[in-house]
Amino acid sequence: MSEHTHEYHSMIKTNQHRLLIAISITGLITIVELIGGILSNSLALLGDAAHMFTDTLALGLSLFVLNLAKRPASQTKTYGYLRAEILAALTNGTILVLISAYIFYEAYRRFLEPPEIEGGLMLIVAAIGLLANLVGLSILRSAGRHNLNVKGAFLHMWGDAASSVGVIAAAIIILLTGWNLADPIISILIGVLILRGAVGLVLESSNILLEAVPKHLNVSQITSEVKKIKGVRDIHDVHLWTVTSSIYALSCHLLIEDQMISNSAQVVEKVNQTLSQKFGIGHSTLQLECEECQNSPVCHIEGRNR
C-alpha cells in the first residue's frame, strides 16, 4: 500500500493549492454578488450570493479534510484519516441537495410574487460571476476525476456556474421583455441540474462507506487473472473495497500448491504485482491455504456474508 499511499499524499499538495484558489474565487464573487444583489434589488443575485457563500464553506471543508488526510496512521486508526475525504464528499453532496431544495422553495415564492429587478446591473454582476466560476472549474476539473472530495468541490462550483448562466439568461429575458417569471423558471432548471450531481455524489460516497466493490473493478475478472498465476489453484472469499479515492484494498483466501515457504512467498509477490499493475489495488491481504477450507467455520461465515 505504501507506493499508492505515497502517490495519494503527493496529490494532496496539488489539490490543496487548487482548492485555495477556488476558495478565493468563490469568496470574492460572494461579496460582489451580495453588493450587486442589494443595489439591483435582485433576489436571484442575492440567492446566488447565498449559494456562493455556502459553497465557500464547503470548499473550506474540503481543504480542511485534505490537511487531515495527511495525518499518519495510528494504533487506533490503522488507515489514518484517509476516509475523512469520503465523509466530506458525503457532507458536500448533502449540502448540495439542501441547496437544491432551497432553490425550489425560492422559485415557488417568486412565482407568487415576482420581484422588480434592475436587469442591467444583474446581467453585469452575473457575467462576472460566471467568468470567475469558469476559471475555478478549469482548476478543479482534472483533480475532481480522481478525488471524490475534490469532485464534491467541483460540483459546488459547477452549480455556481450553472446558477450564473441562469441569472444571465433571466436578466436578458427581463431586459428584453420585462417578464420577471423567467427568473423562477430558470431557477428550477438550475436546481434540477445541481440535484442530479448531488445525488450521484451522495450515492458514490455512500457506496464507499458501505465498502462496496469499486464500480470500475470486476471481481470475476480479478479472480480469473489471479488463477492464471503459476502455483495458484483457486481463490475464494474475495472482499474488495475502496479505502479512499484511488486507494483500493482486497482480502481473500488463496489456495496454492503444497510447496516450500520460500516458493509461497514468490506466489504472493506475483499475486500482489498482478493486483497492483493490472487493477490498481495497492493493498491486499492474502490468507494462504494448501487445502480447501470448505469445512472451516471461518470460511463458512465469510462465504455466507458475501
C-alpha atoms as a PDB file:
ATOM      1  CA  MET A   1       0.000   0.000   0.000  1.00  0.00           C
ATOM      2  CA  SER A   2       2.969   2.320   0.577  1.00  0.00           C
ATOM      3  CA  GLU A   3       3.563   3.207  -3.084  1.00  0.00           C
ATOM      4  CA  HIS A   4      -0.074   4.061  -3.770  1.00  0.00           C
ATOM      5  CA  THR A   5      -0.376   5.937  -0.479  1.00  0.00           C
ATOM      6  CA  HIS A   6       2.746   7.953  -1.321  1.00  0.00           C
ATOM      7  CA  GLU A   7       1.212   8.913  -4.678  1.00  0.00           C
ATOM      8  CA  TYR A   8      -2.003   9.826  -2.884  1.00  0.00           C
ATOM      9  CA  HIS A   9      -0.197  12.151  -0.466  1.00  0.00           C
ATOM     10  CA  SER A  10       1.731  13.780  -3.318  1.00  0.00           C
ATOM     11  CA  MET A  11      -1.609  14.593  -4.970  1.00  0.00           C
ATOM     12  CA  ILE A  12      -2.884  16.220  -1.775  1.00  0.00           C
ATOM     13  CA  LYS A  13      -0.482  19.184  -2.001  1.00  0.00           C
ATOM     14  CA  THR A  14      -1.531  19.914  -5.582  1.00  0.00           C
ATOM     15  CA  ASN A  15      -5.210  19.663  -4.669  1.00  0.00           C
ATOM     16  CA  GLN A  16      -4.689  21.989  -1.695  1.00  0.00           C
ATOM     17  CA  HIS A  17      -3.352  24.748  -3.948  1.00  0.00           C
ATOM     18  CA  ARG A  18      -6.265  24.270  -6.335  1.00  0.00           C
ATOM     19  CA  LEU A  19      -8.794  24.469  -3.525  1.00  0.00           C
ATOM     20  CA  LEU A  20      -7.168  27.614  -2.104  1.00  0.00           C
ATOM     21  CA  ILE A  21      -7.577  29.332  -5.466  1.00  0.00           C
ATOM     22  CA  ALA A  22     -11.178  28.118  -5.729  1.00  0.00           C
ATOM     23  CA  ILE A  23     -11.968  29.390  -2.214  1.00  0.00           C
ATOM     24  CA  SER A  24     -10.506  32.810  -3.076  1.00  0.00           C
ATOM     25  CA  ILE A  25     -12.665  32.980  -6.204  1.00  0.00           C
ATOM     26  CA  THR A  26     -15.928  31.959  -4.523  1.00  0.00           C
ATOM     27  CA  GLY A  27     -15.297  34.238  -1.538  1.00  0.00           C
ATOM     28  CA  LEU A  28     -14.656  37.263  -3.765  1.00  0.00           C
ATOM     29  CA  ILE A  29     -17.667  36.594  -6.005  1.00  0.00           C
ATOM     30  CA  THR A  30     -19.890  36.124  -2.935  1.00  0.00           C
ATOM     31  CA  ILE A  31     -19.080  39.698  -1.883  1.00  0.00           C
ATOM     32  CA  VAL A  32     -19.547  41.045  -5.444  1.00  0.00           C
ATOM     33  CA  GLU A  33     -22.935  39.322  -5.900  1.00  0.00           C
ATOM     34  CA  LEU A  34     -24.110  40.372  -2.452  1.00  0.00           C
ATOM     35  CA  ILE A  35     -23.412  44.040  -3.216  1.00  0.00           C
ATOM     36  CA  GLY A  36     -24.831  43.694  -6.745  1.00  0.00           C
ATOM     37  CA  GLY A  37     -27.972  41.983  -5.453  1.00  0.00           C
ATOM     38  CA  ILE A  38     -28.627  44.760  -2.929  1.00  0.00           C
ATOM     39  CA  LEU A  39     -28.051  47.543  -5.477  1.00  0.00           C
ATOM     40  CA  SER A  40     -30.147  45.893  -8.219  1.00  0.00           C
ATOM     41  CA  ASN A  41     -32.831  44.592  -5.827  1.00  0.00           C
ATOM     42  CA  SER A  42     -32.337  41.173  -7.437  1.00  0.00           C
ATOM     43  CA  LEU A  43     -33.400  38.215  -5.344  1.00  0.00           C
ATOM     44  CA  ALA A  44     -31.760  35.961  -7.924  1.00  0.00           C
ATOM     45  CA  LEU A  45     -28.375  37.560  -7.291  1.00  0.00           C
ATOM     46  CA  LEU A  46     -28.879  37.543  -3.526  1.00  0.00           C
ATOM     47  CA  GLY A  47     -29.858  33.883  -3.684  1.00  0.00           C
ATOM     48  CA  ASP A  48     -26.827  33.125  -5.830  1.00  0.00           C
ATOM     49  CA  ALA A  49     -24.648  35.034  -3.350  1.00  0.00           C
ATOM     50  CA  ALA A  50     -26.010  32.852  -0.543  1.00  0.00           C
ATOM     51  CA  HIS A  51     -25.309  29.804  -2.723  1.00  0.00           C
ATOM     52  CA  MET A  52     -21.741  31.024  -3.288  1.00  0.00           C
ATOM     53  CA  PHE A  53     -21.223  31.638   0.432  1.00  0.00           C
ATOM     54  CA  THR A  54     -22.376  28.088   1.223  1.00  0.00           C
ATOM     55  CA  ASP A  55     -20.024  26.764  -1.437  1.00  0.00           C
ATOM     56  CA  THR A  56     -17.138  28.739   0.040  1.00  0.00           C
ATOM     57  CA  LEU A  57     -17.763  26.997   3.356  1.00  0.00           C
ATOM     58  CA  ALA A  58     -17.947  23.624   1.547  1.00  0.00           C
ATOM     59  CA  LEU A  59     -14.649  24.286  -0.249  1.00  0.00           C
ATOM     60  CA  GLY A  60     -13.126  25.209   3.105  1.00  0.00           C
ATOM     61  CA  LEU A  61     -14.324  21.868   4.476  1.00  0.00           C
ATOM     62  CA  SER A  62     -12.696  20.073   1.542  1.00  0.00           C
ATOM     63  CA  LEU A  63      -9.411  21.879   2.178  1.00  0.00           C
ATOM     64  CA  PHE A  64      -9.539  21.050   5.895  1.00  0.00           C
ATOM     65  CA  VAL A  65     -10.115  17.380   5.103  1.00  0.00           C
ATOM     66  CA  LEU A  66      -7.146  17.292   2.708  1.00  0.00           C
ATOM     67  CA  ASN A  67      -4.955  18.528   5.556  1.00  0.00           C
ATOM     68  CA  LEU A  68      -6.486  15.963   7.886  1.00  0.00           C
ATOM     69  CA  ALA A  69      -5.875  13.138   5.391  1.00  0.00           C
ATOM     70  CA  LYS A  70      -2.113  13.732   5.594  1.00  0.00           C
ATOM     71  CA  ARG A  71      -2.004  12.721   9.244  1.00  0.00           C
ATOM     72  CA  PRO A  72      -0.239   9.365   9.729  1.00  0.00           C
ATOM     73  CA  ALA A  73      -1.886   6.138  10.790  1.00  0.00           C
ATOM     74  CA  SER A  74      -2.007   5.273  14.492  1.00  0.00           C
ATOM     75  CA  GLN A  75      -2.757   2.323  16.747  1.00  0.00           C
ATOM     76  CA  THR A  76      -6.427   3.324  16.881  1.00  0.00           C
ATOM     77  CA  LYS A  77      -6.749   4.475  13.228  1.00  0.00           C
ATOM     78  CA  THR A  78      -4.721   1.988  11.224  1.00  0.00           C
ATOM     79  CA  TYR A  79      -5.732   3.540   7.895  1.00  0.00           C
ATOM     80  CA  GLY A  80      -5.046   7.040   9.195  1.00  0.00           C
ATOM     81  CA  TYR A  81      -7.575   9.689   8.202  1.00  0.00           C
ATOM     82  CA  LEU A  82      -7.883   8.769   4.524  1.00  0.00           C
ATOM     83  CA  ARG A  83     -11.613   8.133   4.840  1.00  0.00           C
ATOM     84  CA  ALA A  84     -12.162  11.711   6.041  1.00  0.00           C
ATOM     85  CA  GLU A  85     -12.391  12.848   2.425  1.00  0.00           C
ATOM     86  CA  ILE A  86     -15.288  10.453   1.813  1.00  0.00           C
ATOM     87  CA  LEU A  87     -17.150  11.909   4.793  1.00  0.00           C
ATOM     88  CA  ALA A  88     -16.503  15.400   3.380  1.00  0.00           C
ATOM     89  CA  ALA A  89     -17.800  14.302  -0.028  1.00  0.00           C
ATOM     90  CA  LEU A  90     -20.956  12.922   1.589  1.00  0.00           C
ATOM     91  CA  THR A  91     -21.382  16.173   3.527  1.00  0.00           C
ATOM     92  CA  ASN A  92     -20.896  18.276   0.404  1.00  0.00           C
ATOM     93  CA  GLY A  93     -23.382  16.154  -1.514  1.00  0.00           C
ATOM     94  CA  THR A  94     -25.940  16.546   1.265  1.00  0.00           C
ATOM     95  CA  ILE A  95     -25.394  20.320   1.303  1.00  0.00           C
ATOM     96  CA  LEU A  96     -25.963  20.415  -2.472  1.00  0.00           C
ATOM     97  CA  VAL A  97     -29.266  18.554  -2.044  1.00  0.00           C
ATOM     98  CA  LEU A  98     -30.342  21.126   0.568  1.00  0.00           C
ATOM     99  CA  ILE A  99     -29.286  23.977  -1.722  1.00  0.00           C
ATOM    100  CA  SER A 100     -31.432  22.488  -4.496  1.00  0.00           C
ATOM    101  CA  ALA A 101     -34.381  22.337  -2.111  1.00  0.00           C
ATOM    102  CA  TYR A 102     -33.793  25.990  -1.190  1.00  0.00           C
ATOM    103  CA  ILE A 103     -33.730  26.989  -4.868  1.00  0.00           C
ATOM    104  CA  PHE A 104     -37.044  25.198  -5.458  1.00  0.00           C
ATOM    105  CA  TYR A 105     -38.538  26.996  -2.456  1.00  0.00           C
ATOM    106  CA  GLU A 106     -37.315  30.401  -3.651  1.00  0.00           C
ATOM    107  CA  ALA A 107     -38.625  29.694  -7.146  1.00  0.00           C
ATOM    108  CA  TYR A 108     -42.047  28.931  -5.676  1.00  0.00           C
ATOM    109  CA  ARG A 109     -42.018  32.240  -3.772  1.00  0.00           C
ATOM    110  CA  ARG A 110     -41.041  34.166  -6.906  1.00  0.00           C
ATOM    111  CA  PHE A 111     -43.886  32.598  -8.828  1.00  0.00           C
ATOM    112  CA  LEU A 112     -46.241  34.038  -6.239  1.00  0.00           C
ATOM    113  CA  GLU A 113     -44.579  37.466  -6.069  1.00  0.00           C
ATOM    114  CA  PRO A 114     -42.198  38.203  -8.971  1.00  0.00           C
ATOM    115  CA  PRO A 115     -39.752  40.874  -7.727  1.00  0.00           C
ATOM    116  CA  GLU A 116     -38.829  44.090  -9.538  1.00  0.00           C
ATOM    117  CA  ILE A 117     -35.299  43.634 -10.828  1.00  0.00           C
ATOM    118  CA  GLU A 118     -32.642  46.002 -12.208  1.00  0.00           C
ATOM    119  CA  GLY A 119     -31.810  43.800 -15.188  1.00  0.00           C
ATOM    120  CA  GLY A 120     -28.722  45.677 -16.429  1.00  0.00           C
ATOM    121  CA  LEU A 121     -26.765  45.512 -13.178  1.00  0.00           C
ATOM    122  CA  MET A 122     -27.980  41.965 -12.621  1.00  0.00           C
ATOM    123  CA  LEU A 123     -26.555  40.957 -16.013  1.00  0.00           C
ATOM    124  CA  ILE A 124     -23.149  42.552 -15.389  1.00  0.00           C
ATOM    125  CA  VAL A 125     -22.673  41.004 -11.956  1.00  0.00           C
ATOM    126  CA  ALA A 126     -23.842  37.559 -13.115  1.00  0.00           C
ATOM    127  CA  ALA A 127     -21.412  37.700 -16.059  1.00  0.00           C
ATOM    128  CA  ILE A 128     -18.537  38.446 -13.685  1.00  0.00           C
ATOM    129  CA  GLY A 129     -19.635  35.534 -11.507  1.00  0.00           C
ATOM    130  CA  LEU A 130     -19.782  33.173 -14.481  1.00  0.00           C
ATOM    131  CA  LEU A 131     -16.281  34.127 -15.636  1.00  0.00           C
ATOM    132  CA  ALA A 132     -14.855  33.556 -12.162  1.00  0.00           C
ATOM    133  CA  ASN A 133     -16.617  30.198 -11.836  1.00  0.00           C
ATOM    134  CA  LEU A 134     -15.305  29.015 -15.200  1.00  0.00           C
ATOM    135  CA  VAL A 135     -11.780  29.750 -14.001  1.00  0.00           C
ATOM    136  CA  GLY A 136     -12.444  27.778 -10.820  1.00  0.00           C
ATOM    137  CA  LEU A 137     -13.907  24.846 -12.774  1.00  0.00           C
ATOM    138  CA  SER A 138     -10.854  24.656 -15.029  1.00  0.00           C
ATOM    139  CA  ILE A 139      -8.636  24.489 -11.934  1.00  0.00           C
ATOM    140  CA  LEU A 140     -10.594  21.700 -10.203  1.00  0.00           C
ATOM    141  CA  ARG A 141     -11.719  19.665 -13.202  1.00  0.00           C
ATOM    142  CA  SER A 142      -8.769  17.250 -13.590  1.00  0.00           C
ATOM    143  CA  ALA A 143      -8.393  16.680  -9.843  1.00  0.00           C
ATOM    144  CA  GLY A 144     -12.110  16.001  -9.463  1.00  0.00           C
ATOM    145  CA  ARG A 145     -11.818  12.941 -11.707  1.00  0.00           C
ATOM    146  CA  HIS A 146      -9.543  11.137  -9.230  1.00  0.00           C
ATOM    147  CA  ASN A 147     -10.532  12.538  -5.824  1.00  0.00           C
ATOM    148  CA  LEU A 148     -14.092  12.269  -4.543  1.00  0.00           C
ATOM    149  CA  ASN A 149     -13.623  15.114  -2.076  1.00  0.00           C
ATOM    150  CA  VAL A 150     -12.400  17.494  -4.800  1.00  0.00           C
ATOM    151  CA  LYS A 151     -15.220  16.209  -7.013  1.00  0.00           C
ATOM    152  CA  GLY A 152     -17.655  17.495  -4.393  1.00  0.00           C
ATOM    153  CA  ALA A 153     -15.940  20.897  -4.512  1.00  0.00           C
ATOM    154  CA  PHE A 154     -16.033  20.800  -8.328  1.00  0.00           C
ATOM    155  CA  LEU A 155     -19.774  20.101  -8.288  1.00  0.00           C
ATOM    156  CA  HIS A 156     -20.293  23.063  -5.984  1.00  0.00           C
ATOM    157  CA  MET A 157     -18.503  25.367  -8.444  1.00  0.00           C
ATOM    158  CA  TRP A 158     -20.354  23.754 -11.340  1.00  0.00           C
ATOM    159  CA  GLY A 159     -23.593  24.577  -9.554  1.00  0.00           C
ATOM    160  CA  ASP A 160     -22.387  28.169  -9.122  1.00  0.00           C
ATOM    161  CA  ALA A 161     -21.573  28.404 -12.839  1.00  0.00           C
ATOM    162  CA  ALA A 162     -24.984  26.975 -13.764  1.00  0.00           C
ATOM    163  CA  SER A 163     -26.621  29.487 -11.433  1.00  0.00           C
ATOM    164  CA  SER A 164     -24.718  32.331 -13.091  1.00  0.00           C
ATOM    165  CA  VAL A 165     -25.823  31.166 -16.542  1.00  0.00           C
ATOM    166  CA  GLY A 166     -29.404  31.039 -15.316  1.00  0.00           C
ATOM    167  CA  VAL A 167     -29.175  34.514 -13.806  1.00  0.00           C
ATOM    168  CA  ILE A 168     -27.686  35.864 -17.060  1.00  0.00           C
ATOM    169  CA  ALA A 169     -30.471  34.271 -19.114  1.00  0.00           C
ATOM    170  CA  ALA A 170     -33.108  35.614 -16.737  1.00  0.00           C
ATOM    171  CA  ALA A 171     -31.551  39.092 -16.851  1.00  0.00           C
ATOM    172  CA  ILE A 172     -31.553  39.122 -20.663  1.00  0.00           C
ATOM    173  CA  ILE A 173     -35.189  37.985 -20.826  1.00  0.00           C
ATOM    174  CA  ILE A 174     -36.210  40.585 -18.232  1.00  0.00           C
ATOM    175  CA  LEU A 175     -34.334  43.342 -20.090  1.00  0.00           C
ATOM    176  CA  LEU A 176     -35.892  42.405 -23.451  1.00  0.00           C
ATOM    177  CA  THR A 177     -39.429  41.519 -22.386  1.00  0.00           C
ATOM    178  CA  GLY A 178     -39.914  42.631 -18.781  1.00  0.00           C
ATOM    179  CA  TRP A 179     -41.181  39.117 -17.984  1.00  0.00           C
ATOM    180  CA  ASN A 180     -39.988  38.575 -14.379  1.00  0.00           C
ATOM    181  CA  LEU A 181     -41.281  34.988 -14.207  1.00  0.00           C
ATOM    182  CA  ALA A 182     -38.240  33.979 -16.252  1.00  0.00           C
ATOM    183  CA  ASP A 183     -36.267  34.168 -13.005  1.00  0.00           C
ATOM    184  CA  PRO A 184     -38.080  31.381 -11.053  1.00  0.00           C
ATOM    185  CA  ILE A 185     -38.433  29.174 -14.156  1.00  0.00           C
ATOM    186  CA  ILE A 186     -34.695  29.204 -14.807  1.00  0.00           C
ATOM    187  CA  SER A 187     -34.016  28.766 -11.084  1.00  0.00           C
ATOM    188  CA  ILE A 188     -35.940  25.476 -11.142  1.00  0.00           C
ATOM    189  CA  LEU A 189     -33.846  24.208 -14.063  1.00  0.00           C
ATOM    190  CA  ILE A 190     -30.686  25.146 -12.175  1.00  0.00           C
ATOM    191  CA  GLY A 191     -31.937  23.314  -9.093  1.00  0.00           C
ATOM    192  CA  VAL A 192     -32.596  20.134 -11.096  1.00  0.00           C
ATOM    193  CA  LEU A 193     -29.070  20.194 -12.563  1.00  0.00           C
ATOM    194  CA  ILE A 194     -27.479  20.685  -9.155  1.00  0.00           C
ATOM    195  CA  LEU A 195     -29.648  17.962  -7.612  1.00  0.00           C
ATOM    196  CA  ARG A 196     -28.621  15.452 -10.272  1.00  0.00           C
ATOM    197  CA  GLY A 197     -24.910  15.844  -9.498  1.00  0.00           C
ATOM    198  CA  ALA A 198     -25.542  15.917  -5.751  1.00  0.00           C
ATOM    199  CA  VAL A 199     -27.453  12.633  -5.713  1.00  0.00           C
ATOM    200  CA  GLY A 200     -24.645  10.946  -7.670  1.00  0.00           C
ATOM    201  CA  LEU A 201     -22.050  12.240  -5.202  1.00  0.00           C
ATOM    202  CA  VAL A 202     -24.074  11.061  -2.187  1.00  0.00           C
ATOM    203  CA  LEU A 203     -24.591   7.601  -3.708  1.00  0.00           C
ATOM    204  CA  GLU A 204     -20.914   7.220  -4.664  1.00  0.00           C
ATOM    205  CA  SER A 205     -19.615   8.267  -1.241  1.00  0.00           C
ATOM    206  CA  SER A 206     -22.226   6.084   0.485  1.00  0.00           C
ATOM    207  CA  ASN A 207     -21.090   3.066  -1.538  1.00  0.00           C
ATOM    208  CA  ILE A 208     -17.510   3.644  -0.403  1.00  0.00           C
ATOM    209  CA  LEU A 209     -18.571   3.902   3.245  1.00  0.00           C
ATOM    210  CA  LEU A 210     -20.535   0.658   2.779  1.00  0.00           C
ATOM    211  CA  GLU A 211     -17.325  -0.884   1.353  1.00  0.00           C
ATOM    212  CA  ALA A 212     -18.970  -1.790  -1.939  1.00  0.00           C
ATOM    213  CA  VAL A 213     -16.853  -3.046  -4.833  1.00  0.00           C
ATOM    214  CA  PRO A 214     -15.411  -0.094  -6.825  1.00  0.00           C
ATOM    215  CA  LYS A 215     -17.593   0.396  -9.885  1.00  0.00           C
ATOM    216  CA  HIS A 216     -14.676   0.187 -12.329  1.00  0.00           C
ATOM    217  CA  LEU A 217     -13.428  -3.154 -10.968  1.00  0.00           C
ATOM    218  CA  ASN A 218     -14.844  -6.628 -11.581  1.00  0.00           C
ATOM    219  CA  VAL A 219     -14.331  -9.386  -9.008  1.00  0.00           C
ATOM    220  CA  SER A 220     -14.756 -12.170 -11.585  1.00  0.00           C
ATOM    221  CA  GLN A 221     -12.095 -10.651 -13.820  1.00  0.00           C
ATOM    222  CA  ILE A 222      -9.691 -10.266 -10.902  1.00  0.00           C
ATOM    223  CA  THR A 223     -10.136 -13.867  -9.716  1.00  0.00           C
ATOM    224  CA  SER A 224      -9.659 -15.097 -13.283  1.00  0.00           C
ATOM    225  CA  GLU A 225      -6.332 -13.241 -13.592  1.00  0.00           C
ATOM    226  CA  VAL A 226      -5.105 -14.483 -10.211  1.00  0.00           C
ATOM    227  CA  LYS A 227      -5.908 -18.098 -11.115  1.00  0.00           C
ATOM    228  CA  LYS A 228      -3.586 -17.797 -14.126  1.00  0.00           C
ATOM    229  CA  ILE A 229      -0.597 -17.289 -11.829  1.00  0.00           C
ATOM    230  CA  LYS A 230       1.631 -20.344 -11.502  1.00  0.00           C
ATOM    231  CA  GLY A 231       1.177 -22.043  -8.138  1.00  0.00           C
ATOM    232  CA  VAL A 232      -2.365 -20.740  -7.561  1.00  0.00           C
ATOM    233  CA  ARG A 233      -5.068 -23.411  -7.564  1.00  0.00           C
ATOM    234  CA  ASP A 234      -8.042 -21.305  -6.546  1.00  0.00           C
ATOM    235  CA  ILE A 235      -9.114 -18.023  -4.953  1.00  0.00           C
ATOM    236  CA  HIS A 236     -12.238 -17.528  -2.841  1.00  0.00           C
ATOM    237  CA  ASP A 237     -13.822 -15.387  -0.113  1.00  0.00           C
ATOM    238  CA  VAL A 238     -12.792 -12.290  -2.036  1.00  0.00           C
ATOM    239  CA  HIS A 239     -13.562  -8.911  -0.482  1.00  0.00           C
ATOM    240  CA  LEU A 240     -12.799  -5.759  -2.464  1.00  0.00           C
ATOM    241  CA  TRP A 241     -13.382  -2.181  -1.322  1.00  0.00           C
ATOM    242  CA  THR A 242     -12.244   1.441  -1.580  1.00  0.00           C
ATOM    243  CA  VAL A 243     -10.247   2.914   1.288  1.00  0.00           C
ATOM    244  CA  THR A 244     -10.389   6.401  -0.210  1.00  0.00           C
ATOM    245  CA  SER A 245     -10.202   7.904  -3.702  1.00  0.00           C
ATOM    246  CA  SER A 246      -7.719   5.931  -5.855  1.00  0.00           C
ATOM    247  CA  ILE A 247      -6.721   3.599  -2.989  1.00  0.00           C
ATOM    248  CA  TYR A 248      -8.271   0.124  -3.210  1.00  0.00           C
ATOM    249  CA  ALA A 249      -7.914  -2.892  -0.931  1.00  0.00           C
ATOM    250  CA  LEU A 250      -8.558  -6.615  -1.308  1.00  0.00           C
ATOM    251  CA  SER A 251      -8.593  -9.598   1.021  1.00  0.00           C
ATOM    252  CA  CYS A 252      -9.050 -13.223   0.020  1.00  0.00           C
ATOM    253  CA  HIS A 253      -8.209 -16.856   0.683  1.00  0.00           C
ATOM    254  CA  LEU A 254      -5.621 -18.168  -1.761  1.00  0.00           C
ATOM    255  CA  LEU A 255      -5.482 -21.910  -2.376  1.00  0.00           C
ATOM    256  CA  ILE A 256      -1.926 -22.694  -3.524  1.00  0.00           C
ATOM    257  CA  GLU A 257       0.062 -25.823  -4.289  1.00  0.00           C
ATOM    258  CA  ASP A 258       1.712 -27.521  -1.318  1.00  0.00           C
ATOM    259  CA  GLN A 259       5.253 -26.160  -1.508  1.00  0.00           C
ATOM    260  CA  MET A 260       8.129 -24.612   0.412  1.00  0.00           C
ATOM    261  CA  ILE A 261       7.514 -21.359   2.273  1.00  0.00           C
ATOM    262  CA  SER A 262      10.022 -19.538   0.044  1.00  0.00           C
ATOM    263  CA  ASN A 263       8.076 -20.572  -3.059  1.00  0.00           C
ATOM    264  CA  SER A 264       4.837 -19.455  -1.417  1.00  0.00           C
ATOM    265  CA  ALA A 265       6.358 -16.019  -0.899  1.00  0.00           C
ATOM    266  CA  GLN A 266       7.046 -15.810  -4.631  1.00  0.00           C
ATOM    267  CA  VAL A 267       3.418 -16.674  -5.385  1.00  0.00           C
ATOM    268  CA  VAL A 268       2.247 -13.921  -3.037  1.00  0.00           C
ATOM    269  CA  GLU A 269       4.610 -11.442  -4.697  1.00  0.00           C
ATOM    270  CA  LYS A 270       3.272 -12.314  -8.159  1.00  0.00           C
ATOM    271  CA  VAL A 271      -0.334 -12.003  -6.970  1.00  0.00           C
ATOM    272  CA  ASN A 272       0.353  -8.589  -5.428  1.00  0.00           C
ATOM    273  CA  GLN A 273       2.124  -7.488  -8.600  1.00  0.00           C
ATOM    274  CA  THR A 274      -0.836  -8.537 -10.745  1.00  0.00           C
ATOM    275  CA  LEU A 275      -3.337  -6.811  -8.467  1.00  0.00           C
ATOM    276  CA  SER A 276      -1.298  -3.601  -8.452  1.00  0.00           C
ATOM    277  CA  GLN A 277      -0.323  -3.357 -12.111  1.00  0.00           C
ATOM    278  CA  LYS A 278      -3.499  -4.601 -13.765  1.00  0.00           C
ATOM    279  CA  PHE A 279      -6.161  -3.362 -11.354  1.00  0.00           C
ATOM    280  CA  GLY A 280      -4.541  -0.595  -9.284  1.00  0.00           C
ATOM    281  CA  ILE A 281      -5.138  -2.455  -5.999  1.00  0.00           C
ATOM    282  CA  GLY A 282      -2.340  -1.266  -3.728  1.00  0.00           C
ATOM    283  CA  HIS A 283      -3.219  -3.101  -0.516  1.00  0.00           C
ATOM    284  CA  SER A 284      -4.011  -6.815  -0.331  1.00  0.00           C
ATOM    285  CA  THR A 285      -4.321  -9.312   2.497  1.00  0.00           C
ATOM    286  CA  LEU A 286      -3.888 -12.915   1.345  1.00  0.00           C
ATOM    287  CA  GLN A 287      -4.588 -15.957   3.512  1.00  0.00           C
ATOM    288  CA  LEU A 288      -2.686 -18.909   2.076  1.00  0.00           C
ATOM    289  CA  GLU A 289      -4.127 -22.419   2.136  1.00  0.00           C
ATOM    290  CA  CYS A 290      -2.887 -25.753   0.814  1.00  0.00           C
ATOM    291  CA  GLU A 291      -6.229 -27.484   1.270  1.00  0.00           C
ATOM    292  CA  GLU A 292      -9.767 -26.313   0.586  1.00  0.00           C
ATOM    293  CA  CYS A 293     -11.390 -24.791   3.668  1.00  0.00           C
ATOM    294  CA  GLN A 294     -14.938 -25.880   2.921  1.00  0.00           C
ATOM    295  CA  ASN A 295     -15.359 -27.301   6.412  1.00  0.00           C
ATOM    296  CA  SER A 296     -13.725 -24.337   8.122  1.00  0.00           C
ATOM    297  CA  PRO A 297     -16.156 -22.275  10.230  1.00  0.00           C
ATOM    298  CA  VAL A 298     -14.279 -19.087   9.224  1.00  0.00           C
ATOM    299  CA  CYS A 299     -14.730 -19.717   5.512  1.00  0.00           C
ATOM    300  CA  HIS A 300     -18.330 -20.691   6.134  1.00  0.00           C
ATOM    301  CA  ILE A 301     -19.046 -17.413   7.900  1.00  0.00           C
ATOM    302  CA  GLU A 302     -17.195 -15.282   5.322  1.00  0.00           C
ATOM    303  CA  GLY A 303     -18.796 -17.068   2.404  1.00  0.00           C
ATOM    304  CA  ARG A 304     -22.244 -16.565   3.874  1.00  0.00           C
ATOM    305  CA  ASN A 305     -21.643 -12.854   4.491  1.00  0.00           C
ATOM    306  CA  ARG A 306     -20.526 -12.015   0.978  1.00  0.00           C
END
